Amino acid sequence: MSSEVFEKAQQLADAIARCSELTDLRNTEKTMLVDSEAQSIIAEFQEAQQTLAELQRDGKEITQADHDKTAAIEEKVESNNLIAAYMSAQDRFTEMLDYVNSLLANAIAGESTDSCSSCGTDGCTTCSGC
């Protein structure tokens, strides 16, 4: 394998490690993890998910009460500012990684991209323009 490929891959990895999306993700995660209310909501949500998975695995019917309980917990998750901030940061980081991956895939496939490097996957519609 080409040393140029390794060098560029390391540069890309270093740039991703320094990017604001990852910094925001790490900061929002730290804040969320030390908040007892957020942790309680997350634990409740995970328990509800596990209960639903067990019901499905055992071939049991998931009742409307089960759905309602899960929906109420999901509302708690979405309304908690710290969890919402973390989820938003996670979405932005994932979007950035997906865009980088699409650039790599397009280059490997021999396709060109019409958007600049600062634009998202929707081209310049997600930024101020090139």
C-alpha atoms as a PDB file:
ATOM      1  CA  MET A   1       0.000   0.000   0.000  1.00  0.00           C
ATOM      2  CA  SER A   2       1.162   3.479  -0.790  1.00  0.00           C
ATOM      3  CA  SER A   3       2.827   5.499   1.932  1.00  0.00           C
ATOM      4  CA  GLU A   4       0.978   8.520   0.528  1.00  0.00           C
ATOM      5  CA  VAL A   5      -2.353   6.801   1.322  1.00  0.00           C
ATOM      6  CA  PHE A   6      -1.227   6.108   4.894  1.00  0.00           C
ATOM      7  CA  GLU A   7       0.002   9.671   5.296  1.00  0.00           C
ATOM      8  CA  LYS A   8      -3.255  11.167   3.980  1.00  0.00           C
ATOM      9  CA  ALA A   9      -5.306   8.779   6.113  1.00  0.00           C
ATOM     10  CA  GLN A  10      -3.365   9.874   9.202  1.00  0.00           C
ATOM     11  CA  GLN A  11      -3.906  13.516   8.293  1.00  0.00           C
ATOM     12  CA  LEU A  12      -7.627  12.860   7.895  1.00  0.00           C
ATOM     13  CA  ALA A  13      -7.760  11.032  11.229  1.00  0.00           C
ATOM     14  CA  ASP A  14      -5.917  13.909  12.924  1.00  0.00           C
ATOM     15  CA  ALA A  15      -8.277  16.466  11.370  1.00  0.00           C
ATOM     16  CA  ILE A  16     -11.322  14.501  12.522  1.00  0.00           C
ATOM     17  CA  ALA A  17      -9.857  14.223  16.017  1.00  0.00           C
ATOM     18  CA  ARG A  18      -9.516  18.039  16.110  1.00  0.00           C
ATOM     19  CA  CYS A  19     -12.823  18.927  14.461  1.00  0.00           C
ATOM     20  CA  SER A  20     -15.426  20.977  16.285  1.00  0.00           C
ATOM     21  CA  GLU A  21     -18.067  18.285  15.754  1.00  0.00           C
ATOM     22  CA  LEU A  22     -16.073  15.764  17.803  1.00  0.00           C
ATOM     23  CA  THR A  23     -15.167  18.362  20.427  1.00  0.00           C
ATOM     24  CA  ASP A  24     -18.853  19.260  20.814  1.00  0.00           C
ATOM     25  CA  LEU A  25     -19.810  15.588  20.986  1.00  0.00           C
ATOM     26  CA  ARG A  26     -17.277  14.865  23.718  1.00  0.00           C
ATOM     27  CA  ASN A  27     -18.215  17.974  25.712  1.00  0.00           C
ATOM     28  CA  THR A  28     -21.954  17.310  25.571  1.00  0.00           C
ATOM     29  CA  GLU A  29     -21.361  13.666  26.490  1.00  0.00           C
ATOM     30  CA  LYS A  30     -19.282  14.611  29.546  1.00  0.00           C
ATOM     31  CA  THR A  31     -21.927  17.071  30.680  1.00  0.00           C
ATOM     32  CA  MET A  32     -24.708  14.545  30.193  1.00  0.00           C
ATOM     33  CA  LEU A  33     -22.828  11.750  31.973  1.00  0.00           C
ATOM     34  CA  VAL A  34     -22.331  13.721  35.169  1.00  0.00           C
ATOM     35  CA  ASP A  35     -25.967  14.824  35.396  1.00  0.00           C
ATOM     36  CA  SER A  36     -27.956  12.487  37.636  1.00  0.00           C
ATOM     37  CA  GLU A  37     -31.324  13.372  36.072  1.00  0.00           C
ATOM     38  CA  ALA A  38     -30.054  12.652  32.563  1.00  0.00           C
ATOM     39  CA  GLN A  39     -28.534   9.372  33.732  1.00  0.00           C
ATOM     40  CA  SER A  40     -31.781   8.369  35.408  1.00  0.00           C
ATOM     41  CA  ILE A  41     -33.745   9.048  32.221  1.00  0.00           C
ATOM     42  CA  ILE A  42     -31.231   7.117  30.121  1.00  0.00           C
ATOM     43  CA  ALA A  43     -31.382   4.142  32.502  1.00  0.00           C
ATOM     44  CA  GLU A  44     -35.181   4.207  32.403  1.00  0.00           C
ATOM     45  CA  PHE A  45     -35.118   4.350  28.600  1.00  0.00           C
ATOM     46  CA  GLN A  46     -32.660   1.459  28.333  1.00  0.00           C
ATOM     47  CA  GLU A  47     -34.763  -0.634  30.716  1.00  0.00           C
ATOM     48  CA  ALA A  48     -37.894   0.028  28.659  1.00  0.00           C
ATOM     49  CA  GLN A  49     -36.069  -0.929  25.450  1.00  0.00           C
ATOM     50  CA  GLN A  50     -34.810  -4.112  27.055  1.00  0.00           C
ATOM     51  CA  THR A  51     -38.313  -4.997  28.243  1.00  0.00           C
ATOM     52  CA  LEU A  52     -39.733  -4.535  24.739  1.00  0.00           C
ATOM     53  CA  ALA A  53     -36.913  -6.602  23.235  1.00  0.00           C
ATOM     54  CA  GLU A  54     -37.565  -9.407  25.721  1.00  0.00           C
ATOM     55  CA  LEU A  55     -41.286  -9.379  24.942  1.00  0.00           C
ATOM     56  CA  GLN A  56     -40.542  -9.602  21.220  1.00  0.00           C
ATOM     57  CA  ARG A  57     -37.941 -12.312  21.716  1.00  0.00           C
ATOM     58  CA  ASP A  58     -40.372 -14.359  23.810  1.00  0.00           C
ATOM     59  CA  GLY A  59     -43.078 -13.939  21.170  1.00  0.00           C
ATOM     60  CA  LYS A  60     -45.319 -12.029  23.553  1.00  0.00           C
ATOM     61  CA  GLU A  61     -47.630  -9.268  22.453  1.00  0.00           C
ATOM     62  CA  ILE A  62     -46.547  -5.703  23.073  1.00  0.00           C
ATOM     63  CA  THR A  63     -49.556  -3.957  24.552  1.00  0.00           C
ATOM     64  CA  GLN A  64     -50.726  -0.392  24.082  1.00  0.00           C
ATOM     65  CA  ALA A  65     -49.686   0.208  27.693  1.00  0.00           C
ATOM     66  CA  ASP A  66     -46.147  -0.913  26.789  1.00  0.00           C
ATOM     67  CA  HIS A  67     -46.134   1.476  23.818  1.00  0.00           C
ATOM     68  CA  ASP A  68     -47.515   4.319  25.937  1.00  0.00           C
ATOM     69  CA  LYS A  69     -44.907   3.770  28.653  1.00  0.00           C
ATOM     70  CA  THR A  70     -42.117   3.759  26.076  1.00  0.00           C
ATOM     71  CA  ALA A  71     -43.497   6.895  24.402  1.00  0.00           C
ATOM     72  CA  ALA A  72     -43.604   8.701  27.754  1.00  0.00           C
ATOM     73  CA  ILE A  73     -39.985   7.783  28.420  1.00  0.00           C
ATOM     74  CA  GLU A  74     -38.974   8.872  24.917  1.00  0.00           C
ATOM     75  CA  GLU A  75     -40.643  12.224  25.641  1.00  0.00           C
ATOM     76  CA  LYS A  76     -38.503  12.554  28.780  1.00  0.00           C
ATOM     77  CA  VAL A  77     -35.399  11.790  26.725  1.00  0.00           C
ATOM     78  CA  GLU A  78     -36.267  14.379  24.083  1.00  0.00           C
ATOM     79  CA  SER A  79     -37.226  17.060  26.602  1.00  0.00           C
ATOM     80  CA  ASN A  80     -34.022  16.773  28.638  1.00  0.00           C
ATOM     81  CA  ASN A  81     -31.751  19.576  27.420  1.00  0.00           C
ATOM     82  CA  LEU A  82     -28.509  17.719  28.144  1.00  0.00           C
ATOM     83  CA  ILE A  83     -29.585  14.547  26.356  1.00  0.00           C
ATOM     84  CA  ALA A  84     -30.981  16.581  23.450  1.00  0.00           C
ATOM     85  CA  ALA A  85     -27.707  18.505  23.135  1.00  0.00           C
ATOM     86  CA  TYR A  86     -25.745  15.257  23.116  1.00  0.00           C
ATOM     87  CA  MET A  87     -28.024  13.693  20.505  1.00  0.00           C
ATOM     88  CA  SER A  88     -27.768  16.792  18.332  1.00  0.00           C
ATOM     89  CA  ALA A  89     -23.966  16.791  18.598  1.00  0.00           C
ATOM     90  CA  GLN A  90     -23.953  13.089  17.763  1.00  0.00           C
ATOM     91  CA  ASP A  91     -26.078  13.761  14.670  1.00  0.00           C
ATOM     92  CA  ARG A  92     -23.731  16.537  13.490  1.00  0.00           C
ATOM     93  CA  PHE A  93     -20.657  14.335  13.986  1.00  0.00           C
ATOM     94  CA  THR A  94     -22.285  11.414  12.171  1.00  0.00           C
ATOM     95  CA  GLU A  95     -23.337  13.700   9.322  1.00  0.00           C
ATOM     96  CA  MET A  96     -19.756  14.930   8.977  1.00  0.00           C
ATOM     97  CA  LEU A  97     -18.403  11.358   8.939  1.00  0.00           C
ATOM     98  CA  ASP A  98     -21.031  10.321   6.390  1.00  0.00           C
ATOM     99  CA  TYR A  99     -20.007  13.208   4.160  1.00  0.00           C
ATOM    100  CA  VAL A 100     -16.312  12.289   4.437  1.00  0.00           C
ATOM    101  CA  ASN A 101     -17.224   8.698   3.614  1.00  0.00           C
ATOM    102  CA  SER A 102     -19.211   9.818   0.560  1.00  0.00           C
ATOM    103  CA  LEU A 103     -16.225  11.837  -0.648  1.00  0.00           C
ATOM    104  CA  LEU A 104     -14.014   8.764  -0.336  1.00  0.00           C
ATOM    105  CA  ALA A 105     -16.570   6.508  -2.019  1.00  0.00           C
ATOM    106  CA  ASN A 106     -17.046   8.956  -4.884  1.00  0.00           C
ATOM    107  CA  ALA A 107     -13.294   9.305  -5.411  1.00  0.00           C
ATOM    108  CA  ILE A 108     -12.842   5.534  -5.417  1.00  0.00           C
ATOM    109  CA  ALA A 109     -15.718   5.150  -7.868  1.00  0.00           C
ATOM    110  CA  GLY A 110     -14.196   7.827 -10.095  1.00  0.00           C
ATOM    111  CA  GLU A 111     -17.099  10.199  -9.584  1.00  0.00           C
ATOM    112  CA  SER A 112     -16.652  13.881  -8.944  1.00  0.00           C
ATOM    113  CA  THR A 113     -18.609  15.912  -6.439  1.00  0.00           C
ATOM    114  CA  ASP A 114     -20.152  19.238  -7.315  1.00  0.00           C
ATOM    115  CA  SER A 115     -20.021  20.640  -3.798  1.00  0.00           C
ATOM    116  CA  CYS A 116     -17.113  22.239  -2.025  1.00  0.00           C
ATOM    117  CA  SER A 117     -15.396  20.697   0.972  1.00  0.00           C
ATOM    118  CA  SER A 118     -17.242  22.876   3.482  1.00  0.00           C
ATOM    119  CA  CYS A 119     -20.702  21.851   2.293  1.00  0.00           C
ATOM    120  CA  GLY A 120     -22.769  19.036   3.708  1.00  0.00           C
ATOM    121  CA  THR A 121     -24.232  16.080   1.893  1.00  0.00           C
ATOM    122  CA  ASP A 122     -26.973  18.339   0.471  1.00  0.00           C
ATOM    123  CA  GLY A 123     -24.426  20.542  -1.285  1.00  0.00           C
ATOM    124  CA  CYS A 124     -24.411  24.267  -0.571  1.00  0.00           C
ATOM    125  CA  THR A 125     -28.004  24.216   0.705  1.00  0.00           C
ATOM    126  CA  THR A 126     -26.691  23.416   4.189  1.00  0.00           C
ATOM    127  CA  CYS A 127     -24.070  26.140   4.345  1.00  0.00           C
ATOM    128  CA  SER A 128     -23.697  29.793   3.379  1.00  0.00           C
ATOM    129  CA  GLY A 129     -22.455  28.854  -0.080  1.00  0.00           C
ATOM    130  CA  CYS A 130     -19.072  28.417  -1.680  1.00  0.00           C
END
